[in-house]
Amino acid sequence: MATYKLTPMRLALIFPELGLEAVADQIGPSGIINAAHHLCRHSLRINQYSWGEACHAMGRNAAAFAVCITAAIAHRIETPGVCLRGMARRASTGNLNLVPSVYAIMRARLGRDMASRFIPASAGNMLVVSH
């Protein structure tokens, strides 16, 4: 089972879609989840049912990561809600691993050398996903 830990500051760097750059050093995991929910509902236009389905299937932390991944690839997909629901379905059958997607986005956005310094995070107020 892989465990992935990211501080709010690291998440803000990897996923600027969350809009946390200015406050990342002042929030914890619940603030990240709230930001992901806001991103889900307002920017991605994913309905509440799909967010709830994702939270139920994979937990709120993983759902927040899934929304971040969806936002990062939104330019390549037609309907973000379908993407999130697909991840929720895979999670409910035990066939979802978000870690490779998060790492691939991190490498693409920050570069390979910078991304390798971020894994694993060892201290701080972190959002944790295990799969």
C-alpha atoms as a PDB file:
ATOM      1  CA  MET A   1       0.000   0.000   0.000  1.00  0.00           C
ATOM      2  CA  ALA A   2       1.415   3.361  -1.039  1.00  0.00           C
ATOM      3  CA  THR A   3       1.049   6.402   1.197  1.00  0.00           C
ATOM      4  CA  TYR A   4       1.372   9.866  -0.222  1.00  0.00           C
ATOM      5  CA  LYS A   5       1.809  12.926   1.996  1.00  0.00           C
ATOM      6  CA  LEU A   6       1.806  16.538   0.866  1.00  0.00           C
ATOM      7  CA  THR A   7       1.866  19.733   2.871  1.00  0.00           C
ATOM      8  CA  PRO A   8      -0.542  22.535   1.886  1.00  0.00           C
ATOM      9  CA  MET A   9       2.393  24.512   0.470  1.00  0.00           C
ATOM     10  CA  ARG A  10       3.459  21.627  -1.742  1.00  0.00           C
ATOM     11  CA  LEU A  11      -0.106  21.114  -2.922  1.00  0.00           C
ATOM     12  CA  ALA A  12      -0.367  24.825  -3.743  1.00  0.00           C
ATOM     13  CA  LEU A  13       2.760  24.542  -5.901  1.00  0.00           C
ATOM     14  CA  ILE A  14       1.649  21.393  -7.691  1.00  0.00           C
ATOM     15  CA  PHE A  15      -2.023  22.304  -8.070  1.00  0.00           C
ATOM     16  CA  PRO A  16      -2.396  26.086  -8.448  1.00  0.00           C
ATOM     17  CA  GLU A  17      -6.029  25.400  -9.408  1.00  0.00           C
ATOM     18  CA  LEU A  18      -6.764  25.147  -5.680  1.00  0.00           C
ATOM     19  CA  GLY A  19      -5.999  28.859  -5.289  1.00  0.00           C
ATOM     20  CA  LEU A  20      -4.084  28.328  -2.041  1.00  0.00           C
ATOM     21  CA  GLU A  21      -0.801  30.055  -2.856  1.00  0.00           C
ATOM     22  CA  ALA A  22      -1.404  33.022  -0.525  1.00  0.00           C
ATOM     23  CA  VAL A  23      -2.696  31.019   2.446  1.00  0.00           C
ATOM     24  CA  ALA A  24      -1.020  27.610   2.116  1.00  0.00           C
ATOM     25  CA  ASP A  25       1.125  28.139   5.201  1.00  0.00           C
ATOM     26  CA  GLN A  26      -1.975  28.924   7.300  1.00  0.00           C
ATOM     27  CA  ILE A  27      -4.294  25.995   6.539  1.00  0.00           C
ATOM     28  CA  GLY A  28      -4.466  22.314   7.317  1.00  0.00           C
ATOM     29  CA  PRO A  29      -5.969  19.266   5.652  1.00  0.00           C
ATOM     30  CA  SER A  30      -9.557  20.414   6.223  1.00  0.00           C
ATOM     31  CA  GLY A  31      -8.782  23.700   4.443  1.00  0.00           C
ATOM     32  CA  ILE A  32      -7.380  21.773   1.496  1.00  0.00           C
ATOM     33  CA  ILE A  33     -10.456  19.582   1.351  1.00  0.00           C
ATOM     34  CA  ASN A  34     -12.683  22.670   1.457  1.00  0.00           C
ATOM     35  CA  ALA A  35     -10.649  24.268  -1.352  1.00  0.00           C
ATOM     36  CA  ALA A  36     -10.936  21.072  -3.411  1.00  0.00           C
ATOM     37  CA  HIS A  37     -14.695  20.994  -2.829  1.00  0.00           C
ATOM     38  CA  HIS A  38     -14.952  24.632  -3.927  1.00  0.00           C
ATOM     39  CA  LEU A  39     -12.855  23.876  -7.024  1.00  0.00           C
ATOM     40  CA  CYS A  40     -15.051  20.871  -7.733  1.00  0.00           C
ATOM     41  CA  ARG A  41     -18.333  22.771  -7.494  1.00  0.00           C
ATOM     42  CA  HIS A  42     -17.437  26.172  -8.923  1.00  0.00           C
ATOM     43  CA  SER A  43     -14.552  25.860 -11.370  1.00  0.00           C
ATOM     44  CA  LEU A  44     -15.038  22.321 -12.628  1.00  0.00           C
ATOM     45  CA  ARG A  45     -18.849  22.446 -12.320  1.00  0.00           C
ATOM     46  CA  ILE A  46     -18.984  18.965 -10.801  1.00  0.00           C
ATOM     47  CA  ASN A  47     -22.256  18.391  -8.968  1.00  0.00           C
ATOM     48  CA  GLN A  48     -22.568  17.729  -5.252  1.00  0.00           C
ATOM     49  CA  TYR A  49     -23.679  14.143  -5.841  1.00  0.00           C
ATOM     50  CA  SER A  50     -20.433  13.317  -7.670  1.00  0.00           C
ATOM     51  CA  TRP A  51     -18.337  14.924  -4.909  1.00  0.00           C
ATOM     52  CA  GLY A  52     -20.280  12.937  -2.304  1.00  0.00           C
ATOM     53  CA  GLU A  53     -19.853   9.744  -4.298  1.00  0.00           C
ATOM     54  CA  ALA A  54     -16.088  10.328  -4.475  1.00  0.00           C
ATOM     55  CA  CYS A  55     -15.875  11.089  -0.742  1.00  0.00           C
ATOM     56  CA  HIS A  56     -17.841   7.945   0.090  1.00  0.00           C
ATOM     57  CA  ALA A  57     -15.827   5.696  -2.223  1.00  0.00           C
ATOM     58  CA  MET A  58     -12.329   6.910  -1.387  1.00  0.00           C
ATOM     59  CA  GLY A  59     -12.517   9.202   1.651  1.00  0.00           C
ATOM     60  CA  ARG A  60     -12.337  13.000   1.723  1.00  0.00           C
ATOM     61  CA  ASN A  61      -8.535  13.207   1.474  1.00  0.00           C
ATOM     62  CA  ALA A  62      -8.360  11.017  -1.617  1.00  0.00           C
ATOM     63  CA  ALA A  63     -11.389  12.796  -3.107  1.00  0.00           C
ATOM     64  CA  ALA A  64      -9.509  16.089  -2.720  1.00  0.00           C
ATOM     65  CA  PHE A  65      -6.534  14.598  -4.573  1.00  0.00           C
ATOM     66  CA  ALA A  66      -8.884  13.223  -7.247  1.00  0.00           C
ATOM     67  CA  VAL A  67     -10.395  16.678  -7.772  1.00  0.00           C
ATOM     68  CA  CYS A  68      -6.902  18.176  -8.067  1.00  0.00           C
ATOM     69  CA  ILE A  69      -5.979  15.569 -10.672  1.00  0.00           C
ATOM     70  CA  THR A  70      -9.236  16.226 -12.524  1.00  0.00           C
ATOM     71  CA  ALA A  71      -8.544  19.978 -12.511  1.00  0.00           C
ATOM     72  CA  ALA A  72      -5.006  19.412 -13.788  1.00  0.00           C
ATOM     73  CA  ILE A  73      -6.251  17.414 -16.777  1.00  0.00           C
ATOM     74  CA  ALA A  74      -9.504  19.337 -17.324  1.00  0.00           C
ATOM     75  CA  HIS A  75      -8.203  20.775 -20.589  1.00  0.00           C
ATOM     76  CA  ARG A  76      -7.952  17.219 -21.963  1.00  0.00           C
ATOM     77  CA  ILE A  77     -11.312  15.855 -20.818  1.00  0.00           C
ATOM     78  CA  GLU A  78     -14.816  16.701 -21.921  1.00  0.00           C
ATOM     79  CA  THR A  79     -16.685  16.294 -18.632  1.00  0.00           C
ATOM     80  CA  PRO A  80     -14.808  16.544 -15.331  1.00  0.00           C
ATOM     81  CA  GLY A  81     -17.724  15.026 -13.414  1.00  0.00           C
ATOM     82  CA  VAL A  82     -17.516  11.821 -15.436  1.00  0.00           C
ATOM     83  CA  CYS A  83     -13.780  11.677 -14.734  1.00  0.00           C
ATOM     84  CA  LEU A  84     -14.314  12.050 -10.967  1.00  0.00           C
ATOM     85  CA  ARG A  85     -17.135   9.483 -10.949  1.00  0.00           C
ATOM     86  CA  GLY A  86     -14.891   7.076 -12.843  1.00  0.00           C
ATOM     87  CA  MET A  87     -12.220   7.447 -10.180  1.00  0.00           C
ATOM     88  CA  ALA A  88     -14.871   6.883  -7.501  1.00  0.00           C
ATOM     89  CA  ARG A  89     -16.005   3.670  -9.221  1.00  0.00           C
ATOM     90  CA  ARG A  90     -12.424   2.417  -9.430  1.00  0.00           C
ATOM     91  CA  ALA A  91     -11.892   3.285  -5.761  1.00  0.00           C
ATOM     92  CA  SER A  92     -14.997   1.361  -4.730  1.00  0.00           C
ATOM     93  CA  THR A  93     -13.588  -1.775  -6.405  1.00  0.00           C
ATOM     94  CA  GLY A  94     -10.098  -1.243  -5.000  1.00  0.00           C
ATOM     95  CA  ASN A  95      -8.618  -0.433  -8.412  1.00  0.00           C
ATOM     96  CA  LEU A  96      -7.646   3.210  -7.924  1.00  0.00           C
ATOM     97  CA  ASN A  97      -4.149   4.410  -7.188  1.00  0.00           C
ATOM     98  CA  LEU A  98      -3.849   8.211  -7.231  1.00  0.00           C
ATOM     99  CA  VAL A  99      -0.140   8.307  -6.402  1.00  0.00           C
ATOM    100  CA  PRO A 100       1.199   7.805  -9.963  1.00  0.00           C
ATOM    101  CA  SER A 101      -1.100  10.534 -11.291  1.00  0.00           C
ATOM    102  CA  VAL A 102      -0.086  13.019  -8.604  1.00  0.00           C
ATOM    103  CA  TYR A 103       3.585  12.249  -9.170  1.00  0.00           C
ATOM    104  CA  ALA A 104       3.239  12.543 -12.977  1.00  0.00           C
ATOM    105  CA  ILE A 105       1.558  15.952 -12.626  1.00  0.00           C
ATOM    106  CA  MET A 106       4.236  17.021 -10.159  1.00  0.00           C
ATOM    107  CA  ARG A 107       6.985  15.992 -12.571  1.00  0.00           C
ATOM    108  CA  ALA A 108       5.303  17.717 -15.503  1.00  0.00           C
ATOM    109  CA  ARG A 109       4.742  20.953 -13.614  1.00  0.00           C
ATOM    110  CA  LEU A 110       7.834  21.142 -11.415  1.00  0.00           C
ATOM    111  CA  GLY A 111      10.384  19.052 -13.275  1.00  0.00           C
ATOM    112  CA  ARG A 112      11.845  15.693 -12.375  1.00  0.00           C
ATOM    113  CA  ASP A 113      14.521  16.954  -9.960  1.00  0.00           C
ATOM    114  CA  MET A 114      12.146  19.177  -8.003  1.00  0.00           C
ATOM    115  CA  ALA A 115       9.466  16.470  -7.857  1.00  0.00           C
ATOM    116  CA  SER A 116      11.874  13.891  -6.433  1.00  0.00           C
ATOM    117  CA  ARG A 117      12.710  16.251  -3.550  1.00  0.00           C
ATOM    118  CA  PHE A 118       9.036  16.374  -2.607  1.00  0.00           C
ATOM    119  CA  ILE A 119       8.590  12.637  -2.113  1.00  0.00           C
ATOM    120  CA  PRO A 120       8.014  11.602   0.558  1.00  0.00           C
ATOM    121  CA  ALA A 121       7.140  14.551   2.737  1.00  0.00           C
ATOM    122  CA  SER A 122       8.226  13.907   6.285  1.00  0.00           C
ATOM    123  CA  ALA A 123       6.860  16.683   8.487  1.00  0.00           C
ATOM    124  CA  GLY A 124       4.247  19.374   8.746  1.00  0.00           C
ATOM    125  CA  ASN A 125       0.511  19.659   8.419  1.00  0.00           C
ATOM    126  CA  MET A 126      -0.146  17.138   5.640  1.00  0.00           C
ATOM    127  CA  LEU A 127      -2.889  15.743   3.515  1.00  0.00           C
ATOM    128  CA  VAL A 128      -2.388  11.980   3.386  1.00  0.00           C
ATOM    129  CA  VAL A 129      -3.739   9.494   0.875  1.00  0.00           C
ATOM    130  CA  SER A 130      -3.118   5.761   1.120  1.00  0.00           C
ATOM    131  CA  HIS A 131      -3.825   3.220  -1.590  1.00  0.00           C
END
